[in-house]
Amino acid sequence: MKKTNSKIKIEDASPNPEYLIKSIAEQGYSLETSLADLMDNSISAKANKIEVLIDFDSEPFKLFLADNGQGMTEEELSKNMQFPSNSPEDSRSNSDLGRFGLGMKTASFSQTRKFTVLSKKKNEKKYHGRTWDVDFLRDNGWKIIVNSDEEVARLIYQYNQLSSSLLKGFDDYTPNTIVIWEGLYKFENYLQKDNRKDSLKREITEVTSDYLALVFHRFMEKNSNPLRIRINNTIVSPFNPFPEEEKDFRQIEPKQSSFRSDVVKIEGFVLPSRAISETKKGLTKWTTKYRGLMDMEGLYIYRANRIILFGGWNGIVKKAPRLQLARLRVEVGNSVDHLLHLNVAKSQIVIPHELRNAFEDYIYELKIEAEKEYYNRGIRKFSGTKTQNHIQLFERSYSNKGSVLEVNNNFPLVKNLQESLNKKQKSQLNLILRMINTRVNNIRHVHEEKEFLGVKEKDGLSVEELHNNILELLSSGITKEMIREEIIPHLGFKYPSLPQNIKLLIK
């Protein structure tokens, strides 16, 4: 045994267990993030059925979260109830959703002052139980309660009674682990008695179900052995924030960045402008049931297929109505948790400096594309061929850079004018229309200069037409400099791509 230096004075600094529990429980948890943290353990234990049950008619409120995962032996249960149960630096499988070994305890204590975990190994019959109770800690020190067989049986009976009294129960379902929260102090202590039931019901049936549908959507969408989540009388339906089956849901070219031992994949998407009006009408293809487009704009960080952060831009840019059509999907592995500074509640990260530049550059590009789509939302898009549109002077068409406005050649006045002109005049009109189209889209920030191909079907102007029109302008007294600096740029072509004879003409 190592001897203590006799000259060093020491005193006991063991923390007050009640104060410590209450302090470490304040890790940024809400009710929905707390339940999601418990479900991480269920999913890591290979559960495919999880239910959250609560009786709203009796106080203190008692909440059950049960799963059919692998379960735990008594020894495993005892270990997992410790603070912490493992090191955040321990190696884990790629599918492991945990990190600190604190989630179950801190998540539970953020909502209740007493919770029990009952568990048994799959295909076994006997449950074992352990209880953390702040009131018990206050009087007995850092001790955990080992539940008696009678107490375990009583809790199992209460769970079964509640489960069978509700709708949408699972078939062929035996829970192997049950977490029980006895009392929800944030509702019971901080709200007026008349508001408690309704507030809790809204939190569970609206906010929590909305959150879980989004956060675990990949697990619920699996083709094989998909996850099912029951909240009282409701089966949660998954919500994928990236509906790639929609043809006008545009992807920006994805990028990858090497990050230590992992690769971070960044993919930007722009929702079509119709999402704004459709969401206002109550269509939920673009948002969850209880969220708006602005709530859902921003980053979606997936870690081991679980969304750990969504909405907002993590301080890189500010949320704004003009960005409500932008979403950025980021894929990371769980091996870089410590480098992203993932917090205990899995609700906050810090983007490291070596990744921040890549994020900022990509978000800036995504921001531009989303703004284009937002500002174009009032422009009518016509389906079918252009010949079907005789109503509007301008038509809207799509490119990979967004929507573009063009003068409609089938607009009656334009069509009549073209038909009344000779070949030379038509060529001049085409030049003017080209300049109008380019200028309009420059003002709308959706135009980019293109290579001149010299093919009329592609450019609207052939080399011959461009050559003849420049000669006409020169003969009218327009200088080469003015043509070079004012006319050519407004045609929308990259100068180096122009044919040599055109360059010589205006040199």
Protein backbone atom coordinates (compact mmCIF):
# COMPACT_ATOMS: atom_id res chain seq x y z
CA MET A 1 0.00 0.00 0.00
CA LYS A 2 1.30 3.41 -0.92
CA LYS A 3 2.10 5.51 2.10
CA THR A 4 0.61 8.96 2.42
CA ASN A 5 3.10 11.74 3.09
CA SER A 6 2.65 12.43 6.76
CA LYS A 7 3.02 16.18 6.17
CA ILE A 8 0.02 16.26 3.80
CA LYS A 9 -3.30 16.85 5.47
CA ILE A 10 -6.36 15.31 3.81
CA GLU A 11 -10.09 15.38 4.40
CA ASP A 12 -13.06 13.55 3.00
CA ALA A 13 -14.47 15.24 -0.14
CA SER A 14 -17.06 12.66 -1.04
CA PRO A 15 -19.90 14.49 -2.78
CA ASN A 16 -23.35 14.76 -1.32
CA PRO A 17 -25.16 12.12 -3.40
CA GLU A 18 -28.43 14.06 -3.53
CA TYR A 19 -26.77 17.26 -4.71
CA LEU A 20 -24.56 15.44 -7.21
CA ILE A 21 -27.47 13.51 -8.74
CA LYS A 22 -29.52 16.66 -9.13
CA SER A 23 -26.57 18.49 -10.69
CA ILE A 24 -25.48 15.87 -13.20
CA ALA A 25 -29.09 15.37 -14.24
CA GLU A 26 -29.17 18.90 -15.66
CA GLN A 27 -27.48 18.05 -18.96
CA GLY A 28 -29.85 19.75 -21.38
CA TYR A 29 -32.45 16.99 -21.39
CA SER A 30 -36.09 17.45 -22.32
CA LEU A 31 -38.72 14.74 -21.93
CA GLU A 32 -38.33 13.61 -25.56
CA THR A 33 -34.52 13.58 -25.50
CA SER A 34 -34.58 11.66 -22.22
CA LEU A 35 -36.81 8.95 -23.69
CA ALA A 36 -34.70 8.86 -26.86
CA ASP A 37 -31.59 8.28 -24.73
CA LEU A 38 -33.25 5.31 -23.04
CA MET A 39 -34.26 3.98 -26.45
CA ASP A 40 -30.63 4.13 -27.57
CA ASN A 41 -29.93 1.45 -24.98
CA SER A 42 -32.89 -0.57 -26.26
CA ILE A 43 -31.69 -0.39 -29.86
CA SER A 44 -28.12 -1.24 -28.85
CA ALA A 45 -29.61 -4.29 -27.10
CA LYS A 46 -31.18 -5.31 -30.46
CA ALA A 47 -34.76 -4.46 -29.53
CA ASN A 48 -37.23 -4.05 -32.39
CA LYS A 49 -40.23 -3.20 -30.20
CA ILE A 50 -40.30 -0.41 -27.64
CA GLU A 51 -43.28 1.00 -25.82
CA VAL A 52 -43.73 4.08 -23.67
CA LEU A 53 -46.77 3.81 -21.40
CA ILE A 54 -48.16 6.32 -18.94
CA ASP A 55 -51.37 6.65 -16.98
CA PHE A 56 -52.42 10.30 -17.23
CA ASP A 57 -55.22 9.93 -14.68
CA SER A 58 -53.21 9.31 -11.53
CA GLU A 59 -50.48 11.24 -9.72
CA PRO A 60 -47.63 10.94 -9.17
CA PHE A 61 -47.35 10.03 -12.82
CA LYS A 62 -45.72 6.67 -13.46
CA LEU A 63 -44.04 6.11 -16.83
CA PHE A 64 -42.92 2.73 -18.21
CA LEU A 65 -40.45 2.27 -21.06
CA ALA A 66 -40.17 -1.39 -22.06
CA ASP A 67 -38.27 -3.17 -24.82
CA ASN A 68 -37.77 -6.70 -26.15
CA GLY A 69 -33.99 -6.44 -26.46
CA GLN A 70 -31.45 -8.94 -25.17
CA GLY A 71 -32.00 -7.96 -21.56
CA MET A 72 -29.50 -8.19 -18.70
CA THR A 73 -28.38 -10.64 -16.09
CA GLU A 74 -28.46 -9.42 -12.50
CA GLU A 75 -24.71 -8.75 -12.66
CA GLU A 76 -25.06 -6.78 -15.89
CA LEU A 77 -27.96 -4.82 -14.44
CA SER A 78 -25.96 -3.94 -11.35
CA LYS A 79 -23.05 -2.72 -13.49
CA ASN A 80 -25.24 -0.70 -15.83
CA MET A 81 -26.85 1.12 -12.92
CA GLN A 82 -23.47 2.46 -11.80
CA PHE A 83 -22.25 6.05 -12.48
CA PRO A 84 -20.80 5.64 -15.12
CA SER A 85 -21.12 2.10 -16.37
CA ASN A 86 -18.25 2.43 -18.87
CA SER A 87 -15.64 4.86 -20.14
CA PRO A 88 -16.41 7.15 -23.10
CA GLU A 89 -13.02 6.12 -24.49
CA ASP A 90 -13.90 2.40 -24.56
CA SER A 91 -14.04 0.86 -28.02
CA ARG A 92 -17.59 0.14 -29.23
CA SER A 93 -19.26 -1.47 -32.19
CA ASN A 94 -20.29 0.78 -35.05
CA SER A 95 -23.95 0.28 -34.15
CA ASP A 96 -23.54 1.19 -30.46
CA LEU A 97 -25.55 4.36 -29.74
CA GLY A 98 -24.12 4.96 -26.26
CA ARG A 99 -21.03 6.86 -25.26
CA PHE A 100 -20.61 7.89 -21.63
CA GLY A 101 -22.30 5.09 -19.75
CA LEU A 102 -24.42 7.77 -18.09
CA GLY A 103 -27.38 8.12 -20.43
CA MET A 104 -29.94 5.96 -18.66
CA LYS A 105 -29.17 7.47 -15.27
CA THR A 106 -28.87 11.13 -16.23
CA ALA A 107 -31.82 10.94 -18.64
CA SER A 108 -33.99 9.36 -15.96
CA PHE A 109 -32.94 11.70 -13.17
CA SER A 110 -33.62 14.69 -15.43
CA GLN A 111 -37.33 13.76 -15.30
CA THR A 112 -37.82 11.85 -12.05
CA ARG A 113 -36.30 11.53 -8.58
CA LYS A 114 -36.89 7.76 -8.40
CA PHE A 115 -36.52 5.19 -11.11
CA THR A 116 -36.32 1.42 -11.27
CA VAL A 117 -34.91 -0.88 -13.94
CA LEU A 118 -36.24 -4.43 -14.23
CA SER A 119 -34.47 -6.81 -16.57
CA LYS A 120 -33.99 -10.43 -17.51
CA LYS A 121 -32.08 -12.17 -20.24
CA LYS A 122 -34.08 -13.06 -23.31
CA ASN A 123 -35.95 -16.41 -22.98
CA GLU A 124 -35.52 -16.40 -19.21
CA LYS A 125 -38.39 -15.80 -16.76
CA LYS A 126 -36.99 -14.16 -13.64
CA TYR A 127 -36.63 -10.37 -13.57
CA HIS A 128 -34.15 -8.59 -11.35
CA GLY A 129 -34.57 -5.02 -10.20
CA ARG A 130 -32.51 -2.05 -9.03
CA THR A 131 -33.80 1.36 -7.90
CA TRP A 132 -32.18 4.76 -7.63
CA ASP A 133 -34.07 7.00 -5.21
CA VAL A 134 -32.90 10.52 -4.34
CA ASP A 135 -34.85 10.50 -1.06
CA PHE A 136 -33.15 7.24 -0.10
CA LEU A 137 -29.74 8.66 -1.02
CA ARG A 138 -30.34 11.65 1.22
CA ASP A 139 -30.61 9.41 4.30
CA ASN A 140 -28.42 6.46 3.39
CA GLY A 141 -25.59 7.81 1.29
CA TRP A 142 -24.40 6.49 -2.05
CA LYS A 143 -26.51 3.30 -2.06
CA ILE A 144 -28.77 1.65 -4.61
CA ILE A 145 -31.86 -0.39 -3.70
CA VAL A 146 -31.97 -4.07 -4.67
CA ASN A 147 -35.64 -4.78 -5.32
CA SER A 148 -37.28 -7.76 -3.63
CA ASP A 149 -39.10 -10.40 -5.63
CA GLU A 150 -42.39 -9.04 -4.27
CA GLU A 151 -41.56 -5.51 -5.38
CA VAL A 152 -40.52 -6.72 -8.84
CA ALA A 153 -43.75 -8.73 -9.18
CA ARG A 154 -45.82 -5.69 -8.15
CA LEU A 155 -44.20 -3.46 -10.78
CA ILE A 156 -44.54 -6.11 -13.50
CA TYR A 157 -48.24 -6.43 -12.64
CA GLN A 158 -48.74 -2.65 -12.88
CA TYR A 159 -46.99 -2.57 -16.24
CA ASN A 160 -49.06 -5.46 -17.64
CA GLN A 161 -52.32 -3.92 -16.42
CA LEU A 162 -51.55 -0.59 -18.08
CA SER A 163 -50.29 -2.16 -21.31
CA SER A 164 -53.37 -4.34 -21.75
CA SER A 165 -55.74 -1.44 -21.03
CA LEU A 166 -54.40 0.55 -23.98
CA LEU A 167 -54.82 0.10 -27.72
CA LYS A 168 -52.27 -0.88 -30.39
CA GLY A 169 -50.43 -3.43 -28.26
CA PHE A 170 -47.70 -5.54 -29.85
CA ASP A 171 -48.32 -9.16 -30.79
CA ASP A 172 -45.94 -11.86 -29.54
CA TYR A 173 -44.22 -9.36 -27.30
CA THR A 174 -42.41 -10.00 -24.05
CA PRO A 175 -40.39 -7.12 -22.60
CA ASN A 176 -36.98 -8.04 -21.29
CA THR A 177 -36.10 -4.66 -19.84
CA ILE A 178 -38.52 -2.18 -18.24
CA VAL A 179 -37.50 1.27 -17.00
CA ILE A 180 -39.99 2.79 -14.56
CA TRP A 181 -40.09 6.48 -13.66
CA GLU A 182 -42.05 7.04 -10.45
CA GLY A 183 -43.13 10.67 -10.47
CA LEU A 184 -42.37 13.32 -13.12
CA TYR A 185 -41.34 16.23 -10.94
CA LYS A 186 -41.14 18.86 -13.71
CA PHE A 187 -44.86 18.44 -14.30
CA GLU A 188 -45.96 17.72 -10.73
CA ASN A 189 -43.90 20.40 -8.97
CA TYR A 190 -43.70 23.20 -11.50
CA LEU A 191 -47.20 23.24 -13.03
CA GLN A 192 -50.61 24.05 -11.62
CA LYS A 193 -52.63 20.92 -10.87
CA ASP A 194 -55.23 21.77 -13.53
CA ASN A 195 -52.54 21.97 -16.23
CA ARG A 196 -50.42 18.93 -15.41
CA LYS A 197 -52.39 16.24 -17.19
CA ASP A 198 -52.96 18.20 -20.40
CA SER A 199 -49.35 19.42 -20.52
CA LEU A 200 -47.94 15.94 -20.04
CA LYS A 201 -50.34 14.46 -22.59
CA ARG A 202 -49.30 17.06 -25.16
CA GLU A 203 -45.61 16.48 -24.44
CA ILE A 204 -45.96 12.72 -24.86
CA THR A 205 -48.43 12.46 -27.75
CA GLU A 206 -47.27 15.45 -29.80
CA VAL A 207 -43.76 16.65 -29.02
CA THR A 208 -42.23 13.29 -28.09
CA SER A 209 -43.85 11.26 -30.87
CA ASP A 210 -42.82 13.94 -33.38
CA TYR A 211 -39.25 13.83 -32.12
CA LEU A 212 -38.94 10.04 -32.07
CA ALA A 213 -40.47 9.73 -35.57
CA LEU A 214 -37.65 11.89 -36.88
CA VAL A 215 -34.67 10.81 -34.75
CA PHE A 216 -35.14 7.05 -35.25
CA HIS A 217 -36.68 7.09 -38.74
CA ARG A 218 -33.92 4.96 -40.29
CA PHE A 219 -34.45 2.21 -37.76
CA MET A 220 -38.21 2.28 -38.38
CA GLU A 221 -37.72 2.26 -42.17
CA LYS A 222 -35.48 -0.82 -42.26
CA ASN A 223 -36.64 -3.51 -44.69
CA SER A 224 -35.62 -6.24 -42.29
CA ASN A 225 -36.71 -6.25 -38.66
CA PRO A 226 -37.79 -2.60 -38.49
CA LEU A 227 -38.12 -0.83 -35.16
CA ARG A 228 -41.66 -0.22 -33.85
CA ILE A 229 -42.39 2.32 -31.15
CA ARG A 230 -45.67 2.43 -29.26
CA ILE A 231 -46.71 5.44 -27.20
CA ASN A 232 -49.87 4.51 -25.31
CA ASN A 233 -52.51 4.08 -28.04
CA THR A 234 -50.31 5.15 -30.97
CA ILE A 235 -47.69 3.44 -33.14
CA VAL A 236 -45.14 6.07 -34.17
CA SER A 237 -44.72 6.42 -37.93
CA PRO A 238 -41.25 7.30 -39.22
CA PHE A 239 -40.57 10.69 -40.74
CA ASN A 240 -37.70 11.04 -43.22
CA PRO A 241 -36.64 14.69 -43.59
CA PHE A 242 -35.04 13.90 -46.95
CA PRO A 243 -37.84 12.76 -49.31
CA GLU A 244 -35.57 11.90 -52.21
CA GLU A 245 -38.41 10.20 -54.07
CA GLU A 246 -39.78 13.68 -54.86
CA LYS A 247 -38.38 14.66 -58.27
CA ASP A 248 -38.08 18.37 -57.47
CA PHE A 249 -36.30 17.75 -54.15
CA ARG A 250 -32.84 18.81 -55.34
CA GLN A 251 -29.51 17.54 -54.10
CA ILE A 252 -26.38 19.69 -54.15
CA GLU A 253 -23.28 17.75 -55.11
CA PRO A 254 -22.19 15.87 -51.96
CA LYS A 255 -18.73 16.15 -50.43
CA GLN A 256 -16.60 14.04 -48.14
CA SER A 257 -13.99 15.13 -45.64
CA SER A 258 -11.49 12.89 -43.92
CA PHE A 259 -11.65 13.36 -40.20
CA ARG A 260 -9.07 11.42 -38.19
CA SER A 261 -10.12 7.76 -38.39
CA ASP A 262 -13.49 8.49 -39.96
CA VAL A 263 -15.00 10.07 -43.06
CA VAL A 264 -17.64 12.78 -42.73
CA LYS A 265 -20.11 12.91 -45.60
CA ILE A 266 -21.92 16.19 -46.28
CA GLU A 267 -25.00 16.34 -48.52
CA GLY A 268 -27.08 19.46 -49.11
CA PHE A 269 -30.68 19.43 -50.31
CA VAL A 270 -33.13 22.12 -51.40
CA LEU A 271 -36.85 21.61 -50.99
CA PRO A 272 -39.04 22.79 -53.87
CA SER A 273 -40.78 26.12 -53.33
CA ARG A 274 -44.16 24.34 -53.35
CA ALA A 275 -43.23 22.98 -49.91
CA ILE A 276 -44.05 26.39 -48.42
CA SER A 277 -47.64 26.51 -49.64
CA GLU A 278 -48.22 22.79 -49.10
CA THR A 279 -47.02 22.97 -45.51
CA LYS A 280 -49.33 25.92 -44.83
CA LYS A 281 -52.21 23.77 -46.07
CA GLY A 282 -51.34 21.10 -43.51
CA LEU A 283 -49.62 18.63 -45.83
CA THR A 284 -46.85 16.98 -43.85
CA LYS A 285 -44.63 15.54 -46.57
CA TRP A 286 -42.02 18.22 -45.82
CA THR A 287 -42.34 18.53 -42.06
CA THR A 288 -43.35 16.45 -39.09
CA LYS A 289 -46.91 16.92 -37.88
CA TYR A 290 -46.12 19.49 -35.23
CA ARG A 291 -43.17 21.35 -36.77
CA GLY A 292 -42.88 24.04 -39.42
CA LEU A 293 -40.38 24.46 -42.24
CA MET A 294 -38.26 26.91 -40.28
CA ASP A 295 -38.11 24.47 -37.36
CA MET A 296 -36.64 21.91 -39.71
CA GLU A 297 -34.20 23.99 -41.74
CA GLY A 298 -30.52 23.38 -41.15
CA LEU A 299 -28.22 20.55 -40.11
CA TYR A 300 -29.18 16.90 -39.69
CA ILE A 301 -26.31 15.01 -38.12
CA TYR A 302 -26.59 11.24 -38.29
CA ARG A 303 -24.46 9.15 -35.99
CA ALA A 304 -24.75 5.38 -36.42
CA ASN A 305 -28.05 6.00 -38.31
CA ARG A 306 -29.52 7.97 -35.41
CA ILE A 307 -30.13 11.72 -35.73
CA ILE A 308 -28.27 13.35 -32.86
CA LEU A 309 -28.86 16.95 -33.90
CA PHE A 310 -31.30 18.61 -36.27
CA GLY A 311 -32.63 22.04 -37.07
CA GLY A 312 -30.58 25.24 -37.04
CA TRP A 313 -27.06 25.76 -38.31
CA ASN A 314 -25.02 25.20 -35.14
CA GLY A 315 -23.87 28.84 -35.15
CA ILE A 316 -22.45 28.77 -38.70
CA VAL A 317 -25.26 30.91 -40.18
CA LYS A 318 -28.47 32.27 -38.69
CA LYS A 319 -31.87 30.71 -39.28
CA ALA A 320 -33.99 32.78 -41.62
CA PRO A 321 -37.22 32.41 -43.64
CA ARG A 322 -35.27 32.51 -46.89
CA LEU A 323 -33.33 29.42 -45.76
CA GLN A 324 -36.32 27.32 -44.72
CA LEU A 325 -35.95 25.18 -47.87
CA ALA A 326 -32.35 24.17 -47.03
CA ARG A 327 -31.34 20.96 -45.27
CA LEU A 328 -27.87 19.57 -44.77
CA ARG A 329 -27.33 15.89 -44.06
CA VAL A 330 -24.12 14.95 -42.27
CA GLU A 331 -23.01 11.36 -41.67
CA VAL A 332 -20.51 10.59 -38.89
CA GLY A 333 -19.45 7.41 -37.13
CA ASN A 334 -19.40 6.93 -33.35
CA SER A 335 -15.61 6.71 -33.32
CA VAL A 336 -15.24 10.51 -33.45
CA ASP A 337 -17.65 11.41 -30.62
CA HIS A 338 -14.92 12.90 -28.49
CA LEU A 339 -13.68 15.02 -31.38
CA LEU A 340 -17.17 16.42 -32.01
CA HIS A 341 -17.62 17.04 -28.26
CA LEU A 342 -20.93 15.20 -28.22
CA ASN A 343 -22.67 15.92 -24.91
CA VAL A 344 -24.31 13.37 -22.61
CA ALA A 345 -27.81 14.18 -23.88
CA LYS A 346 -26.65 13.71 -27.49
CA SER A 347 -28.24 17.06 -28.26
CA GLN A 348 -25.22 19.24 -28.91
CA ILE A 349 -21.95 19.04 -30.79
CA VAL A 350 -19.06 21.36 -31.48
CA ILE A 351 -17.79 21.27 -35.05
CA PRO A 352 -13.98 21.06 -34.83
CA HIS A 353 -11.86 23.72 -36.51
CA GLU A 354 -10.48 21.26 -39.07
CA LEU A 355 -14.02 20.53 -40.29
CA ARG A 356 -15.55 23.97 -39.86
CA ASN A 357 -14.16 25.45 -43.08
CA ALA A 358 -15.58 22.55 -45.12
CA PHE A 359 -18.95 23.06 -43.41
CA GLU A 360 -18.94 26.82 -43.94
CA ASP A 361 -18.04 26.58 -47.64
CA TYR A 362 -20.67 23.96 -48.34
CA ILE A 363 -23.38 25.73 -46.33
CA TYR A 364 -22.65 28.95 -48.24
CA GLU A 365 -23.27 27.11 -51.53
CA LEU A 366 -26.43 25.50 -50.14
CA LYS A 367 -27.59 28.87 -48.83
CA ILE A 368 -27.41 30.43 -52.30
CA GLU A 369 -29.41 27.60 -53.88
CA ALA A 370 -32.05 27.69 -51.13
CA GLU A 371 -32.44 31.46 -51.47
CA LYS A 372 -32.94 31.13 -55.22
CA GLU A 373 -35.72 28.61 -54.69
CA TYR A 374 -37.32 30.73 -51.95
CA TYR A 375 -37.39 33.94 -53.99
CA ASN A 376 -38.77 32.09 -57.01
CA ARG A 377 -41.70 30.61 -55.13
CA GLY A 378 -44.24 33.05 -56.58
CA ILE A 379 -43.42 32.26 -60.20
CA ARG A 380 -45.78 29.91 -61.94
CA LYS A 381 -44.33 26.76 -63.40
CA PHE A 382 -46.06 25.37 -66.45
CA SER A 383 -46.16 21.67 -67.12
CA GLY A 384 -46.02 20.06 -70.54
CA THR A 385 -44.51 21.66 -73.65
CA LYS A 386 -43.98 25.35 -74.10
CA THR A 387 -46.56 25.45 -76.87
CA GLN A 388 -49.22 24.87 -74.26
CA ASN A 389 -48.42 28.15 -72.53
CA HIS A 390 -49.95 31.17 -74.19
CA ILE A 391 -50.74 33.13 -71.04
CA GLN A 392 -47.56 34.37 -69.38
CA LEU A 393 -44.83 36.54 -70.85
CA PHE A 394 -42.22 34.70 -68.78
CA GLU A 395 -41.91 30.94 -68.33
CA ARG A 396 -40.16 29.08 -65.59
CA SER A 397 -37.89 26.15 -66.28
CA TYR A 398 -35.56 24.09 -64.05
CA SER A 399 -31.85 23.50 -64.20
CA ASN A 400 -29.49 21.83 -61.74
CA LYS A 401 -28.86 25.32 -60.40
CA GLY A 402 -32.49 26.10 -59.77
CA SER A 403 -35.33 27.71 -61.68
CA VAL A 404 -34.71 30.06 -64.62
CA LEU A 405 -37.01 32.65 -66.18
CA GLU A 406 -37.23 32.97 -69.95
CA VAL A 407 -39.35 35.07 -72.27
CA ASN A 408 -42.15 32.84 -73.60
CA ASN A 409 -41.86 32.66 -77.40
CA ASN A 410 -45.49 31.53 -77.55
CA PHE A 411 -46.81 34.61 -75.83
CA PRO A 412 -49.17 36.08 -78.51
CA LEU A 413 -47.44 39.45 -78.91
CA VAL A 414 -43.96 37.88 -79.03
CA LYS A 415 -45.12 35.22 -81.46
CA ASN A 416 -46.84 37.76 -83.74
CA LEU A 417 -43.77 39.99 -83.72
CA GLN A 418 -41.47 37.10 -84.69
CA GLU A 419 -43.74 36.06 -87.53
CA SER A 420 -43.79 39.61 -88.92
CA LEU A 421 -40.02 39.95 -89.12
CA ASN A 422 -37.56 39.02 -91.82
CA LYS A 423 -34.57 36.77 -91.15
CA LYS A 424 -32.25 39.63 -90.20
CA GLN A 425 -34.78 41.19 -87.85
CA LYS A 426 -35.55 37.83 -86.21
CA SER A 427 -31.85 37.39 -85.53
CA GLN A 428 -31.71 40.81 -83.87
CA LEU A 429 -34.80 40.03 -81.80
CA ASN A 430 -33.24 36.75 -80.65
CA LEU A 431 -30.18 38.67 -79.52
CA ILE A 432 -32.35 41.08 -77.53
CA LEU A 433 -34.39 38.25 -75.97
CA ARG A 434 -31.18 36.48 -75.01
CA MET A 435 -29.93 39.62 -73.26
CA ILE A 436 -33.28 40.08 -71.48
CA ASN A 437 -33.30 36.48 -70.22
CA THR A 438 -29.73 36.71 -69.00
CA ARG A 439 -30.22 40.07 -67.32
CA VAL A 440 -33.44 39.01 -65.57
CA ASN A 441 -31.80 35.91 -64.11
CA ASN A 442 -28.71 37.86 -63.11
CA ILE A 443 -30.94 40.14 -61.07
CA ARG A 444 -32.56 37.05 -59.53
CA HIS A 445 -29.07 35.61 -58.78
CA VAL A 446 -29.76 32.39 -60.61
CA HIS A 447 -27.73 32.87 -63.76
CA GLU A 448 -24.26 31.47 -64.33
CA GLU A 449 -22.10 32.05 -67.38
CA LYS A 450 -21.97 29.13 -69.78
CA GLU A 451 -19.68 27.95 -72.51
CA PHE A 452 -20.66 29.20 -75.96
CA LEU A 453 -21.33 26.16 -78.14
CA GLY A 454 -22.35 27.91 -81.31
CA VAL A 455 -25.39 25.72 -81.69
CA LYS A 456 -28.64 27.64 -82.00
CA GLU A 457 -30.69 24.96 -80.27
CA LYS A 458 -28.35 25.18 -77.26
CA ASP A 459 -27.41 28.85 -77.15
CA GLY A 460 -30.34 30.56 -78.89
CA LEU A 461 -27.80 32.10 -81.24
CA SER A 462 -25.64 30.52 -83.93
CA VAL A 463 -22.09 31.71 -84.62
CA GLU A 464 -23.30 33.28 -87.86
CA GLU A 465 -26.12 35.14 -86.14
CA LEU A 466 -23.82 36.43 -83.41
CA HIS A 467 -21.28 37.54 -86.04
CA ASN A 468 -23.87 39.34 -88.17
CA ASN A 469 -25.43 41.06 -85.18
CA ILE A 470 -22.08 42.38 -83.99
CA LEU A 471 -21.40 43.77 -87.47
CA GLU A 472 -24.80 45.46 -87.39
CA LEU A 473 -24.02 47.02 -84.02
CA LEU A 474 -20.63 48.27 -85.26
CA SER A 475 -22.23 49.83 -88.33
CA SER A 476 -24.70 51.59 -86.02
CA GLY A 477 -21.85 53.37 -84.24
CA ILE A 478 -21.53 51.06 -81.21
CA THR A 479 -17.85 50.78 -80.26
CA LYS A 480 -15.97 47.47 -79.92
CA GLU A 481 -15.29 48.29 -76.29
CA MET A 482 -19.00 48.75 -75.55
CA ILE A 483 -19.86 45.48 -77.32
CA ARG A 484 -17.10 43.69 -75.44
CA GLU A 485 -17.98 45.10 -72.00
CA GLU A 486 -21.74 45.69 -72.18
CA ILE A 487 -23.28 43.44 -74.84
CA ILE A 488 -21.32 40.17 -74.66
CA PRO A 489 -21.50 39.80 -70.81
CA HIS A 490 -25.28 40.23 -70.93
CA LEU A 491 -25.56 37.36 -73.40
CA GLY A 492 -24.44 35.05 -70.61
CA PHE A 493 -21.44 33.44 -72.30
CA LYS A 494 -17.95 32.94 -70.92
CA TYR A 495 -15.69 35.18 -73.01
CA PRO A 496 -12.88 32.60 -73.51
CA SER A 497 -15.40 30.19 -75.05
CA LEU A 498 -16.36 32.59 -77.88
CA PRO A 499 -15.14 31.64 -81.38
CA GLN A 500 -11.89 33.27 -82.47
CA ASN A 501 -13.54 35.20 -85.32
CA ILE A 502 -15.94 36.82 -82.81
CA LYS A 503 -13.07 37.79 -80.49
CA LEU A 504 -11.14 39.34 -83.41
CA LEU A 505 -14.21 41.28 -84.44
CA ILE A 506 -14.45 43.10 -81.11
CA LYS A 507 -10.74 43.18 -80.17
